[in-house]
C-alpha atoms as a PDB file:
ATOM      1  CA  MET A   1      43.682 -45.573  21.779  1.00  0.00           C
ATOM      2  CA  SER A   2      41.472 -44.122  19.048  1.00  0.00           C
ATOM      3  CA  PRO A   3      42.937 -41.360  16.791  1.00  0.00           C
ATOM      4  CA  ALA A   4      41.910 -37.767  17.432  1.00  0.00           C
ATOM      5  CA  ARG A   5      38.872 -36.761  15.383  1.00  0.00           C
ATOM      6  CA  THR A   6      39.490 -33.987  12.922  1.00  0.00           C
ATOM      7  CA  LEU A   7      36.904 -31.240  13.234  1.00  0.00           C
ATOM      8  CA  PRO A   8      35.476 -29.719  10.042  1.00  0.00           C
ATOM      9  CA  VAL A   9      36.700 -26.175   9.404  1.00  0.00           C
ATOM     10  CA  ILE A  10      34.219 -23.300   9.048  1.00  0.00           C
ATOM     11  CA  THR A  11      35.785 -19.986   8.013  1.00  0.00           C
ATOM     12  CA  VAL A  12      34.074 -16.777   8.955  1.00  0.00           C
ATOM     13  CA  LEU A  13      34.784 -13.628   6.849  1.00  0.00           C
ATOM     14  CA  CYS A  14      34.621 -10.919   9.518  1.00  0.00           C
ATOM     15  CA  GLY A  15      32.989  -7.550   8.957  1.00  0.00           C
ATOM     16  CA  PRO A  16      35.012  -4.756   7.331  1.00  0.00           C
ATOM     17  CA  ASP A  17      35.415  -3.283  10.876  1.00  0.00           C
ATOM     18  CA  GLY A  18      36.677  -6.586  12.189  1.00  0.00           C
ATOM     19  CA  SER A  19      33.301  -7.499  13.796  1.00  0.00           C
ATOM     20  CA  ARG A  20      32.480 -11.145  14.190  1.00  0.00           C
ATOM     21  CA  PRO A  21      29.311 -13.067  15.204  1.00  0.00           C
ATOM     22  CA  GLY A  22      28.671 -13.986  18.797  1.00  0.00           C
ATOM     23  CA  GLY A  23      26.783 -16.961  20.143  1.00  0.00           C
ATOM     24  CA  LEU A  24      28.634 -19.647  18.060  1.00  0.00           C
ATOM     25  CA  GLU A  25      29.725 -21.754  21.073  1.00  0.00           C
ATOM     26  CA  PRO A  26      27.501 -24.673  20.105  1.00  0.00           C
ATOM     27  CA  VAL A  27      29.096 -24.683  16.696  1.00  0.00           C
ATOM     28  CA  ALA A  28      32.587 -24.296  18.024  1.00  0.00           C
ATOM     29  CA  GLU A  29      32.109 -27.504  20.074  1.00  0.00           C
ATOM     30  CA  ARG A  30      31.802 -29.480  16.847  1.00  0.00           C
ATOM     31  CA  ALA A  31      33.772 -27.482  14.244  1.00  0.00           C
ATOM     32  CA  ALA A  32      36.960 -25.477  14.025  1.00  0.00           C
ATOM     33  CA  LEU A  33      35.968 -21.877  13.526  1.00  0.00           C
ATOM     34  CA  ARG A  34      38.474 -19.751  11.647  1.00  0.00           C
ATOM     35  CA  PHE A  35      37.942 -15.925  11.733  1.00  0.00           C
ATOM     36  CA  VAL A  36      39.660 -14.001   8.902  1.00  0.00           C
ATOM     37  CA  ASP A  37      39.589 -10.746   6.991  1.00  0.00           C
ATOM     38  CA  ALA A  38      39.476 -10.495   3.192  1.00  0.00           C
ATOM     39  CA  ALA A  39      43.258 -10.606   2.913  1.00  0.00           C
ATOM     40  CA  GLY A  40      43.371 -13.933   4.705  1.00  0.00           C
ATOM     41  CA  LEU A  41      40.407 -15.576   3.040  1.00  0.00           C
ATOM     42  CA  ALA A  42      42.191 -17.495   0.264  1.00  0.00           C
ATOM     43  CA  ALA A  43      44.597 -19.224   2.664  1.00  0.00           C
ATOM     44  CA  ALA A  44      41.860 -19.930   5.129  1.00  0.00           C
ATOM     45  CA  LEU A  45      39.698 -21.687   2.492  1.00  0.00           C
ATOM     46  CA  ARG A  46      42.315 -24.310   1.488  1.00  0.00           C
ATOM     47  CA  ASP A  47      41.061 -26.796   4.108  1.00  0.00           C
ATOM     48  CA  SER A  48      37.636 -25.229   4.936  1.00  0.00           C
ATOM     49  CA  ARG A  49      34.339 -26.966   4.197  1.00  0.00           C
ATOM     50  CA  ALA A  50      32.024 -24.065   4.940  1.00  0.00           C
ATOM     51  CA  LEU A  51      32.122 -20.249   4.872  1.00  0.00           C
ATOM     52  CA  LEU A  52      30.098 -17.611   6.730  1.00  0.00           C
ATOM     53  CA  LEU A  53      30.077 -14.228   4.972  1.00  0.00           C
ATOM     54  CA  TRP A  54      29.594 -11.958   7.975  1.00  0.00           C
ATOM     55  CA  ASP A  55      30.788  -9.273   5.643  1.00  0.00           C
ATOM     56  CA  PHE A  56      27.706  -9.780   3.568  1.00  0.00           C
ATOM     57  CA  PHE A  57      28.589  -7.234   0.838  1.00  0.00           C
ATOM     58  CA  SER A  58      32.081  -8.681   0.257  1.00  0.00           C
ATOM     59  CA  THR A  59      33.078  -9.879  -3.184  1.00  0.00           C
ATOM     60  CA  ALA A  60      36.156 -11.586  -1.837  1.00  0.00           C
ATOM     61  CA  VAL A  61      34.931 -15.073  -2.641  1.00  0.00           C
ATOM     62  CA  ALA A  62      35.255 -14.431  -6.452  1.00  0.00           C
ATOM     63  CA  ASP A  63      38.852 -13.240  -5.778  1.00  0.00           C
ATOM     64  CA  THR A  64      39.698 -16.513  -4.047  1.00  0.00           C
ATOM     65  CA  TRP A  65      38.369 -18.790  -6.722  1.00  0.00           C
ATOM     66  CA  PRO A  66      39.250 -21.663  -7.212  1.00  0.00           C
ATOM     67  CA  ALA A  67      40.180 -21.990  -3.588  1.00  0.00           C
ATOM     68  CA  ALA A  68      36.516 -21.459  -2.669  1.00  0.00           C
ATOM     69  CA  ALA A  69      35.478 -24.158  -5.123  1.00  0.00           C
ATOM     70  CA  GLY A  70      36.326 -26.825  -2.474  1.00  0.00           C
ATOM     71  CA  LEU A  71      33.680 -25.584  -0.085  1.00  0.00           C
ATOM     72  CA  ASP A  72      30.489 -27.510   0.596  1.00  0.00           C
ATOM     73  CA  TRP A  73      28.470 -24.524   1.776  1.00  0.00           C
ATOM     74  CA  ILE A  74      28.516 -20.723   1.903  1.00  0.00           C
ATOM     75  CA  HIS A  75      26.072 -18.736   4.056  1.00  0.00           C
ATOM     76  CA  VAL A  76      25.554 -15.076   3.522  1.00  0.00           C
ATOM     77  CA  ALA A  77      24.366 -13.027   6.533  1.00  0.00           C
ATOM     78  CA  ALA A  78      21.969 -10.999   4.401  1.00  0.00           C
ATOM     79  CA  ALA A  79      18.751 -11.522   2.441  1.00  0.00           C
ATOM     80  CA  GLY A  80      20.309 -10.437  -0.879  1.00  0.00           C
ATOM     81  CA  VAL A  81      23.091 -12.562  -2.389  1.00  0.00           C
ATOM     82  CA  ASP A  82      23.840 -10.309  -5.439  1.00  0.00           C
ATOM     83  CA  SER A  83      27.253  -9.346  -4.130  1.00  0.00           C
ATOM     84  CA  LEU A  84      28.342 -13.009  -3.898  1.00  0.00           C
ATOM     85  CA  LEU A  85      27.035 -14.719  -6.973  1.00  0.00           C
ATOM     86  CA  PHE A  86      29.385 -14.999 -10.030  1.00  0.00           C
ATOM     87  CA  ASP A  87      29.460 -17.466 -12.923  1.00  0.00           C
ATOM     88  CA  ASP A  88      31.885 -19.975 -11.545  1.00  0.00           C
ATOM     89  CA  LEU A  89      30.075 -20.156  -8.220  1.00  0.00           C
ATOM     90  CA  VAL A  90      26.704 -20.462  -9.907  1.00  0.00           C
ATOM     91  CA  GLU A  91      27.953 -23.418 -12.028  1.00  0.00           C
ATOM     92  CA  SER A  92      29.677 -25.147  -9.078  1.00  0.00           C
ATOM     93  CA  PRO A  93      28.114 -27.578  -6.559  1.00  0.00           C
ATOM     94  CA  VAL A  94      28.649 -25.257  -3.653  1.00  0.00           C
ATOM     95  CA  VAL A  95      25.419 -24.681  -1.697  1.00  0.00           C
ATOM     96  CA  VAL A  96      24.528 -21.095  -0.893  1.00  0.00           C
ATOM     97  CA  THR A  97      22.084 -20.067   1.881  1.00  0.00           C
ATOM     98  CA  ASN A  98      20.985 -16.672   3.061  1.00  0.00           C
ATOM     99  CA  ALA A  99      19.382 -14.807   5.918  1.00  0.00           C
ATOM    100  CA  ARG A 100      15.828 -15.022   4.673  1.00  0.00           C
ATOM    101  CA  GLY A 101      13.351 -14.382   7.471  1.00  0.00           C
ATOM    102  CA  VAL A 102      15.477 -12.167   9.704  1.00  0.00           C
ATOM    103  CA  PHE A 103      14.547  -8.860   8.101  1.00  0.00           C
ATOM    104  CA  ASP A 104      10.880  -9.390   7.125  1.00  0.00           C
ATOM    105  CA  ARG A 105       9.089  -7.565   9.916  1.00  0.00           C
ATOM    106  CA  PRO A 106      11.632  -4.809  10.408  1.00  0.00           C
ATOM    107  CA  ILE A 107      11.496  -3.890   6.721  1.00  0.00           C
ATOM    108  CA  ALA A 108       7.727  -4.154   6.678  1.00  0.00           C
ATOM    109  CA  GLU A 109       7.604  -1.692   9.576  1.00  0.00           C
ATOM    110  CA  PHE A 110      10.063   0.665   7.839  1.00  0.00           C
ATOM    111  CA  VAL A 111       7.900   0.668   4.656  1.00  0.00           C
ATOM    112  CA  LEU A 112       4.791   1.423   6.672  1.00  0.00           C
ATOM    113  CA  THR A 113       6.590   4.272   8.465  1.00  0.00           C
ATOM    114  CA  SER A 114       7.792   5.684   5.131  1.00  0.00           C
ATOM    115  CA  ILE A 115       4.285   5.719   3.736  1.00  0.00           C
ATOM    116  CA  LEU A 116       2.797   7.237   6.835  1.00  0.00           C
ATOM    117  CA  ASP A 117       5.417   9.878   6.850  1.00  0.00           C
ATOM    118  CA  GLN A 118       4.506  10.802   3.306  1.00  0.00           C
ATOM    119  CA  LEU A 119       0.767  10.945   4.123  1.00  0.00           C
ATOM    120  CA  LYS A 120       1.115  12.785   7.406  1.00  0.00           C
ATOM    121  CA  GLY A 121       4.117  14.964   6.464  1.00  0.00           C
ATOM    122  CA  VAL A 122       6.108  14.125   9.653  1.00  0.00           C
ATOM    123  CA  HIS A 123       9.280  15.321   8.042  1.00  0.00           C
ATOM    124  CA  LEU A 124       7.581  18.626   7.104  1.00  0.00           C
ATOM    125  CA  THR A 125       6.280  19.046  10.604  1.00  0.00           C
ATOM    126  CA  ARG A 126       9.809  18.669  12.012  1.00  0.00           C
ATOM    127  CA  ALA A 127      11.249  21.103   9.519  1.00  0.00           C
ATOM    128  CA  GLN A 128       8.585  23.693  10.378  1.00  0.00           C
ATOM    129  CA  GLN A 129       9.153  23.120  14.086  1.00  0.00           C
ATOM    130  CA  GLN A 130      12.903  23.878  13.613  1.00  0.00           C
ATOM    131  CA  ALA A 131      11.995  27.029  11.701  1.00  0.00           C
ATOM    132  CA  ARG A 132       9.352  27.932  14.318  1.00  0.00           C
ATOM    133  CA  ILE A 133       6.621  28.080  11.585  1.00  0.00           C
ATOM    134  CA  TRP A 134       3.017  27.527  12.627  1.00  0.00           C
ATOM    135  CA  GLN A 135       1.225  26.492   9.491  1.00  0.00           C
ATOM    136  CA  HIS A 136      -1.947  24.421   9.554  1.00  0.00           C
ATOM    137  CA  ARG A 137      -2.404  21.864   6.840  1.00  0.00           C
ATOM    138  CA  GLU A 138      -4.538  18.759   6.023  1.00  0.00           C
ATOM    139  CA  THR A 139      -3.065  15.305   5.786  1.00  0.00           C
ATOM    140  CA  LEU A 140      -4.061  12.204   3.942  1.00  0.00           C
ATOM    141  CA  LEU A 141      -5.886   9.138   5.270  1.00  0.00           C
ATOM    142  CA  ALA A 142      -4.135   5.738   4.952  1.00  0.00           C
ATOM    143  CA  ALA A 143      -7.377   3.695   4.569  1.00  0.00           C
ATOM    144  CA  GLY A 144      -8.132   2.954   0.933  1.00  0.00           C
ATOM    145  CA  ARG A 145      -4.779   4.054  -0.411  1.00  0.00           C
ATOM    146  CA  THR A 146      -3.211   1.615  -2.912  1.00  0.00           C
ATOM    147  CA  VAL A 147       0.206  -0.025  -2.550  1.00  0.00           C
ATOM    148  CA  MET A 148       1.930  -2.165  -5.227  1.00  0.00           C
ATOM    149  CA  ILE A 149       4.748  -4.275  -3.833  1.00  0.00           C
ATOM    150  CA  ILE A 150       7.450  -5.507  -6.233  1.00  0.00           C
ATOM    151  CA  GLY A 151       8.782  -8.820  -4.773  1.00  0.00           C
ATOM    152  CA  THR A 152       6.529 -11.570  -3.482  1.00  0.00           C
ATOM    153  CA  GLY A 153       9.045 -13.259  -1.126  1.00  0.00           C
ATOM    154  CA  PRO A 154       8.833 -13.137   2.634  1.00  0.00           C
ATOM    155  CA  ILE A 155       9.694  -9.435   2.879  1.00  0.00           C
ATOM    156  CA  GLY A 156       7.035  -8.459   0.368  1.00  0.00           C
ATOM    157  CA  ARG A 157       4.447 -10.755   1.999  1.00  0.00           C
ATOM    158  CA  THR A 158       5.023  -9.481   5.460  1.00  0.00           C
ATOM    159  CA  THR A 159       4.790  -5.926   4.213  1.00  0.00           C
ATOM    160  CA  ALA A 160       1.528  -6.711   2.428  1.00  0.00           C
ATOM    161  CA  ARG A 161      -0.010  -8.217   5.508  1.00  0.00           C
ATOM    162  CA  LEU A 162       1.007  -5.216   7.695  1.00  0.00           C
ATOM    163  CA  LEU A 163      -0.320  -2.629   5.216  1.00  0.00           C
ATOM    164  CA  ARG A 164      -3.598  -4.452   4.697  1.00  0.00           C
ATOM    165  CA  ALA A 165      -4.109  -4.562   8.505  1.00  0.00           C
ATOM    166  CA  VAL A 166      -3.868  -0.745   8.464  1.00  0.00           C
ATOM    167  CA  GLY A 167      -6.388  -0.394   5.673  1.00  0.00           C
ATOM    168  CA  PHE A 168      -4.278  -0.118   2.516  1.00  0.00           C
ATOM    169  CA  GLU A 169      -5.295  -1.884  -0.671  1.00  0.00           C
ATOM    170  CA  VAL A 170      -2.305  -4.068  -1.819  1.00  0.00           C
ATOM    171  CA  ARG A 171      -1.283  -5.765  -4.937  1.00  0.00           C
ATOM    172  CA  GLY A 172       1.979  -7.681  -5.683  1.00  0.00           C
ATOM    173  CA  VAL A 173       4.304  -7.872  -8.647  1.00  0.00           C
ATOM    174  CA  GLY A 174       5.997 -11.133  -9.338  1.00  0.00           C
ATOM    175  CA  ARG A 175       7.251 -13.315 -12.216  1.00  0.00           C
ATOM    176  CA  THR A 176       3.810 -14.821 -12.783  1.00  0.00           C
ATOM    177  CA  ALA A 177       0.434 -13.113 -12.666  1.00  0.00           C
ATOM    178  CA  ARG A 178      -2.260 -14.718 -10.453  1.00  0.00           C
ATOM    179  CA  ALA A 179      -5.403 -13.951  -8.585  1.00  0.00           C
ATOM    180  CA  GLU A 180      -6.549 -14.648  -5.097  1.00  0.00           C
ATOM    181  CA  ASP A 181      -3.151 -14.686  -3.500  1.00  0.00           C
ATOM    182  CA  PRO A 182      -3.540 -14.936   0.293  1.00  0.00           C
ATOM    183  CA  ASP A 183      -1.369 -11.949   1.018  1.00  0.00           C
ATOM    184  CA  PHE A 184      -1.488  -9.779  -2.112  1.00  0.00           C
ATOM    185  CA  GLY A 185      -4.889 -10.606  -3.499  1.00  0.00           C
ATOM    186  CA  THR A 186      -3.820  -9.850  -7.068  1.00  0.00           C
ATOM    187  CA  VAL A 187      -0.301 -10.469  -8.306  1.00  0.00           C
ATOM    188  CA  VAL A 188       0.716  -8.587 -11.529  1.00  0.00           C
ATOM    189  CA  ALA A 189       3.368 -10.089 -13.857  1.00  0.00           C
ATOM    190  CA  SER A 190       6.571  -8.001 -13.687  1.00  0.00           C
ATOM    191  CA  ALA A 191       6.566  -7.887 -17.470  1.00  0.00           C
ATOM    192  CA  GLU A 192       3.385  -5.891 -17.232  1.00  0.00           C
ATOM    193  CA  LEU A 193       4.639  -3.427 -14.582  1.00  0.00           C
ATOM    194  CA  ALA A 194       4.558  -0.336 -16.688  1.00  0.00           C
ATOM    195  CA  ALA A 195       0.973  -1.134 -17.843  1.00  0.00           C
ATOM    196  CA  GLN A 196      -0.291  -1.718 -14.341  1.00  0.00           C
ATOM    197  CA  VAL A 197       1.660   0.566 -12.035  1.00  0.00           C
ATOM    198  CA  GLY A 198      -0.665   3.545 -12.635  1.00  0.00           C
ATOM    199  CA  TRP A 199      -3.062   1.842 -10.086  1.00  0.00           C
ATOM    200  CA  ALA A 200      -0.611   2.515  -7.207  1.00  0.00           C
ATOM    201  CA  ASP A 201      -0.475   5.487  -4.800  1.00  0.00           C
ATOM    202  CA  HIS A 202       2.740   3.919  -3.401  1.00  0.00           C
ATOM    203  CA  LEU A 203       5.223   1.633  -5.200  1.00  0.00           C
ATOM    204  CA  VAL A 204       7.386  -0.465  -2.889  1.00  0.00           C
ATOM    205  CA  VAL A 205      10.450  -2.098  -4.332  1.00  0.00           C
ATOM    206  CA  ALA A 206      11.496  -5.267  -2.366  1.00  0.00           C
ATOM    207  CA  ALA A 207      12.802  -7.469  -5.148  1.00  0.00           C
ATOM    208  CA  PRO A 208      16.050  -9.302  -5.242  1.00  0.00           C
ATOM    209  CA  LEU A 209      18.669  -7.799  -7.645  1.00  0.00           C
ATOM    210  CA  THR A 210      19.227  -9.956 -10.651  1.00  0.00           C
ATOM    211  CA  ASP A 211      20.011  -9.396 -14.304  1.00  0.00           C
ATOM    212  CA  GLN A 212      16.277  -9.357 -14.983  1.00  0.00           C
ATOM    213  CA  THR A 213      15.434  -6.841 -12.220  1.00  0.00           C
ATOM    214  CA  ARG A 214      18.378  -4.368 -12.620  1.00  0.00           C
ATOM    215  CA  LYS A 215      16.800  -0.939 -13.345  1.00  0.00           C
ATOM    216  CA  MET A 216      13.386  -2.408 -13.543  1.00  0.00           C
ATOM    217  CA  ILE A 217      12.075   0.968 -12.229  1.00  0.00           C
ATOM    218  CA  ASN A 218      12.992   2.844 -15.411  1.00  0.00           C
ATOM    219  CA  ALA A 219      11.790   5.960 -17.132  1.00  0.00           C
ATOM    220  CA  GLU A 220       8.764   4.083 -18.604  1.00  0.00           C
ATOM    221  CA  VAL A 221       7.590   2.778 -15.291  1.00  0.00           C
ATOM    222  CA  LEU A 222       8.132   6.201 -13.623  1.00  0.00           C
ATOM    223  CA  ALA A 223       6.152   7.954 -16.385  1.00  0.00           C
ATOM    224  CA  ALA A 224       3.288   5.484 -15.805  1.00  0.00           C
ATOM    225  CA  LEU A 225       3.041   6.321 -12.108  1.00  0.00           C
ATOM    226  CA  LYS A 226       0.516   8.967 -10.802  1.00  0.00           C
ATOM    227  CA  PRO A 227       2.166  12.338 -10.316  1.00  0.00           C
ATOM    228  CA  THR A 228       0.985  12.046  -6.685  1.00  0.00           C
ATOM    229  CA  ALA A 229       2.656   8.706  -6.178  1.00  0.00           C
ATOM    230  CA  GLN A 230       5.563   7.769  -3.883  1.00  0.00           C
ATOM    231  CA  LEU A 231       8.376   5.332  -4.604  1.00  0.00           C
ATOM    232  CA  ILE A 232       9.945   3.348  -1.680  1.00  0.00           C
ATOM    233  CA  ASN A 233      13.046   1.219  -2.350  1.00  0.00           C
ATOM    234  CA  VAL A 234      14.131  -1.247   0.386  1.00  0.00           C
ATOM    235  CA  GLY A 235      15.522  -3.850  -2.055  1.00  0.00           C
ATOM    236  CA  ARG A 236      18.811  -2.880  -3.787  1.00  0.00           C
ATOM    237  CA  GLY A 237      19.865   0.455  -5.254  1.00  0.00           C
ATOM    238  CA  PRO A 238      20.437  -0.688  -8.826  1.00  0.00           C
ATOM    239  CA  LEU A 239      16.837  -1.854  -9.089  1.00  0.00           C
ATOM    240  CA  VAL A 240      16.023   1.848  -9.739  1.00  0.00           C
ATOM    241  CA  ASP A 241      17.251   4.058 -12.643  1.00  0.00           C
ATOM    242  CA  HIS A 242      18.267   6.933 -10.519  1.00  0.00           C
ATOM    243  CA  GLU A 243      18.800   9.382 -13.302  1.00  0.00           C
ATOM    244  CA  ALA A 244      15.253   8.768 -14.491  1.00  0.00           C
ATOM    245  CA  LEU A 245      14.031   9.121 -10.875  1.00  0.00           C
ATOM    246  CA  ILE A 246      15.809  12.407 -10.344  1.00  0.00           C
ATOM    247  CA  THR A 247      14.354  13.740 -13.581  1.00  0.00           C
ATOM    248  CA  ALA A 248      10.757  12.625 -12.641  1.00  0.00           C
ATOM    249  CA  LEU A 249      11.025  14.224  -9.228  1.00  0.00           C
ATOM    250  CA  THR A 250      12.635  17.432 -10.452  1.00  0.00           C
ATOM    251  CA  GLU A 251       9.966  17.785 -13.138  1.00  0.00           C
ATOM    252  CA  GLY A 252       7.168  17.244 -10.610  1.00  0.00           C
ATOM    253  CA  ARG A 253       6.014  13.986 -12.248  1.00  0.00           C
ATOM    254  CA  LEU A 254       6.356  12.060  -8.934  1.00  0.00           C
ATOM    255  CA  ALA A 255       5.469  13.263  -5.365  1.00  0.00           C
ATOM    256  CA  GLY A 256       8.300  11.682  -3.478  1.00  0.00           C
ATOM    257  CA  ALA A 257      10.755   8.823  -2.977  1.00  0.00           C
ATOM    258  CA  ALA A 258      11.954   7.117   0.250  1.00  0.00           C
ATOM    259  CA  LEU A 259      15.284   5.433  -0.609  1.00  0.00           C
ATOM    260  CA  ASP A 260      17.056   3.140   1.774  1.00  0.00           C
ATOM    261  CA  VAL A 261      19.487   1.605  -0.698  1.00  0.00           C
ATOM    262  CA  PHE A 262      21.782   3.005  -3.416  1.00  0.00           C
ATOM    263  CA  PRO A 263      23.998   1.781  -6.259  1.00  0.00           C
ATOM    264  CA  GLU A 264      27.010   3.212  -4.307  1.00  0.00           C
ATOM    265  CA  GLU A 265      27.002   3.095  -0.465  1.00  0.00           C
ATOM    266  CA  PRO A 266      27.748   5.271   1.388  1.00  0.00           C
ATOM    267  CA  LEU A 267      25.938   7.667  -0.931  1.00  0.00           C
ATOM    268  CA  PRO A 268      28.558  10.198  -2.137  1.00  0.00           C
ATOM    269  CA  ALA A 269      28.183  13.680  -0.691  1.00  0.00           C
ATOM    270  CA  ASP A 270      27.928  15.159  -4.173  1.00  0.00           C
ATOM    271  CA  ASP A 271      25.220  12.846  -5.366  1.00  0.00           C
ATOM    272  CA  PRO A 272      22.292  14.950  -6.682  1.00  0.00           C
ATOM    273  CA  LEU A 273      19.761  12.684  -4.726  1.00  0.00           C
ATOM    274  CA  TRP A 274      20.688  14.581  -1.569  1.00  0.00           C
ATOM    275  CA  THR A 275      19.022  17.760  -2.857  1.00  0.00           C
ATOM    276  CA  THR A 276      16.404  16.293  -5.214  1.00  0.00           C
ATOM    277  CA  PRO A 277      12.980  17.539  -4.201  1.00  0.00           C
ATOM    278  CA  GLY A 278      10.750  14.933  -2.393  1.00  0.00           C
ATOM    279  CA  VAL A 279      13.554  12.449  -1.556  1.00  0.00           C
ATOM    280  CA  ILE A 280      13.924  11.050   1.981  1.00  0.00           C
ATOM    281  CA  ILE A 281      17.354   9.259   2.287  1.00  0.00           C
ATOM    282  CA  SER A 282      18.108   6.681   4.908  1.00  0.00           C
ATOM    283  CA  PRO A 283      21.521   4.860   5.193  1.00  0.00           C
ATOM    284  CA  HIS A 284      20.512   1.277   4.370  1.00  0.00           C
ATOM    285  CA  LEU A 285      18.997   0.614   7.773  1.00  0.00           C
ATOM    286  CA  SER A 286      15.416  -0.540   7.066  1.00  0.00           C
ATOM    287  CA  GLY A 287      16.104  -4.059   8.398  1.00  0.00           C
ATOM    288  CA  ASP A 288      18.495  -3.151  11.134  1.00  0.00           C
ATOM    289  CA  VAL A 289      16.543  -3.193  14.416  1.00  0.00           C
ATOM    290  CA  VAL A 290      18.218  -3.599  17.786  1.00  0.00           C
ATOM    291  CA  GLY A 291      19.437  -7.198  18.002  1.00  0.00           C
ATOM    292  CA  TRP A 292      19.574  -7.912  14.290  1.00  0.00           C
ATOM    293  CA  ARG A 293      23.283  -9.104  14.323  1.00  0.00           C
ATOM    294  CA  ASP A 294      22.319 -11.524  17.215  1.00  0.00           C
ATOM    295  CA  ALA A 295      19.452 -12.867  15.005  1.00  0.00           C
ATOM    296  CA  LEU A 296      21.773 -13.346  12.090  1.00  0.00           C
ATOM    297  CA  ALA A 297      24.241 -15.267  14.277  1.00  0.00           C
ATOM    298  CA  ARG A 298      21.599 -17.504  15.713  1.00  0.00           C
ATOM    299  CA  GLN A 299      20.247 -18.260  12.320  1.00  0.00           C
ATOM    300  CA  PHE A 300      23.716 -19.296  11.047  1.00  0.00           C
ATOM    301  CA  ALA A 301      24.350 -21.361  14.186  1.00  0.00           C
ATOM    302  CA  ASP A 302      21.081 -23.236  13.774  1.00  0.00           C
ATOM    303  CA  ASN A 303      21.889 -23.985  10.129  1.00  0.00           C
ATOM    304  CA  ALA A 304      25.491 -24.959  10.991  1.00  0.00           C
ATOM    305  CA  LEU A 305      24.258 -27.528  13.412  1.00  0.00           C
ATOM    306  CA  ARG A 306      21.902 -28.944  10.854  1.00  0.00           C
ATOM    307  CA  TRP A 307      24.883 -29.123   8.416  1.00  0.00           C
ATOM    308  CA  LEU A 308      27.027 -30.883  11.048  1.00  0.00           C
ATOM    309  CA  ASP A 309      24.153 -33.326  11.650  1.00  0.00           C
ATOM    310  CA  GLY A 310      23.799 -34.047   7.950  1.00  0.00           C
ATOM    311  CA  LYS A 311      20.295 -32.517   7.820  1.00  0.00           C
ATOM    312  CA  PRO A 312      18.954 -30.450   5.047  1.00  0.00           C
ATOM    313  CA  LEU A 313      19.986 -26.736   5.205  1.00  0.00           C
ATOM    314  CA  ILE A 314      17.351 -24.066   5.313  1.00  0.00           C
ATOM    315  CA  ASN A 315      17.156 -20.973   2.992  1.00  0.00           C
ATOM    316  CA  ILE A 316      18.992 -22.595   0.134  1.00  0.00           C
ATOM    317  CA  VAL A 317      19.417 -20.045  -2.729  1.00  0.00           C
ATOM    318  CA  ASP A 318      18.538 -21.009  -6.310  1.00  0.00           C
ATOM    319  CA  LYS A 319      21.917 -19.687  -7.621  1.00  0.00           C
ATOM    320  CA  ARG A 320      20.619 -19.265 -11.156  1.00  0.00           C
ATOM    321  CA  LEU A 321      17.642 -17.157  -9.997  1.00  0.00           C
ATOM    322  CA  GLY A 322      19.423 -15.363  -7.225  1.00  0.00           C
ATOM    323  CA  TYR A 323      17.041 -16.037  -4.345  1.00  0.00           C
ATOM    324  CA  VAL A 324      15.335 -18.714  -2.212  1.00  0.00           C
ATOM    325  CA  THR A 325      12.472 -20.378  -4.082  1.00  0.00           C
ATOM    326  CA  GLY A 326      11.004 -22.417  -1.271  1.00  0.00           C
ATOM    327  CA  ARG A 327      11.823 -25.670  -3.032  1.00  0.00           C
ATOM    328  CA  THR A 328      12.729 -28.702  -0.974  1.00  0.00           C
ATOM    329  CA  PRO A 329      16.229 -28.339   0.528  1.00  0.00           C
ATOM    330  CA  VAL A 330      19.097 -30.661  -0.491  1.00  0.00           C
ATOM    331  CA  GLU A 331      20.958 -33.003   1.689  1.00  0.00           C
ATOM    332  CA  THR A 332      24.466 -31.918   2.570  1.00  0.00           C
ATOM    333  CA  THR A 333      26.051 -35.264   3.420  1.00  0.00           C
END
């Protein structure tokens, strides 16, 4: 009689509300799934080979080090991995993957909606309706308006394609300047942002948060924007210097800002952004369409089956850069 086969253990860090992914039955047939909260993570990792961060903003992995150092693979159920990465993990052989691809179209549609709201004044129309004010006004045409998108990954590219289809002129901002990009046309080097941003009627921030991008939208960049321009942030809150943004909006040097992400979430009730003129606040929902959690679970399950089969993982993060570069994936056996 052959000895019983020991299944590899995959730990799942559940959401802060105790939520857990569904649809993992194909994985459970070939691996032992262990669902834990942050308090139980260190103990769970002692014999685990893989970890799913369903609580994608958690920093618990750093607190469990070096227990987590024995993992082969960590998957983050989010596009951004800034909450996870720390020096010991970056230097370790642990492979990190993310949810690249799940949020591209939803965020692109949210950006388009935010821009059209600015041009057509939908929020103003609703406010006037509630006040029973009949006041005719003229709105702005989308065709020919200029949009600069910071971040040339899948979210930025999907956004660029959608906006171009509507009639916007689009440029990208990335690490390296280039011409004739299939989605952006022209890509401006991020180091030249302040010198180039005056072209834009709308500035979309969709970059990953790294040491290099933190507060990249600073007072210099804001001062270089047109006073009629709009800022849209769907990346991470710390990409924008909010004190400088509040000053620019209060002084009338910027027309508006649609903000979906913030340095502290939920946004505190006493934060001045709530009452800053021209600001539209949404509670970090730009990518969260109906069914988004199911899509995240399916993506992880597909990757877990690849891992169990010894195939290359998809969406491998370059831990030093902080995002997926599109390079050839590594073998996990």
